[in-house]
């Protein structure tokens, strides 16, 4: 059974940074696609970015605008989302997700079969 636990959310001022962590068990983050999504109040869950088994990442550039970076630490079976230059519109619950795919970073929630509980990120203006 795959379990994902996010941490690192919080309250930050506009222009600040946060690093979210997603600790996985039951599936290796270096063997399958890992994704990050977010959901703001009253809005649909949206794709932020994802990482392939080989470490290559892809992002929703309209959303990220070069500010976010996904990385991982294989020894800890953990994926990270480094968020810089945060803006109030980045306020949302952020989720990590795991896919059974290795070679394609899906952008839909249905592309992932396991989810974390989410961590709240609030950016004040």
Foldseek 3Di string as FASTA:
>chain_A
DKAWAKDWADEAAQQAKIKMKIQIPPDACLQFKKFKWWDDPPDDIWTAKIAASPGDIDGPCVVQVPFWDWGADRVRSMIMIIGGRDDQVVWTWMKMFTAPHRPDDDTDPVRGDDIYPTDTHGYHD
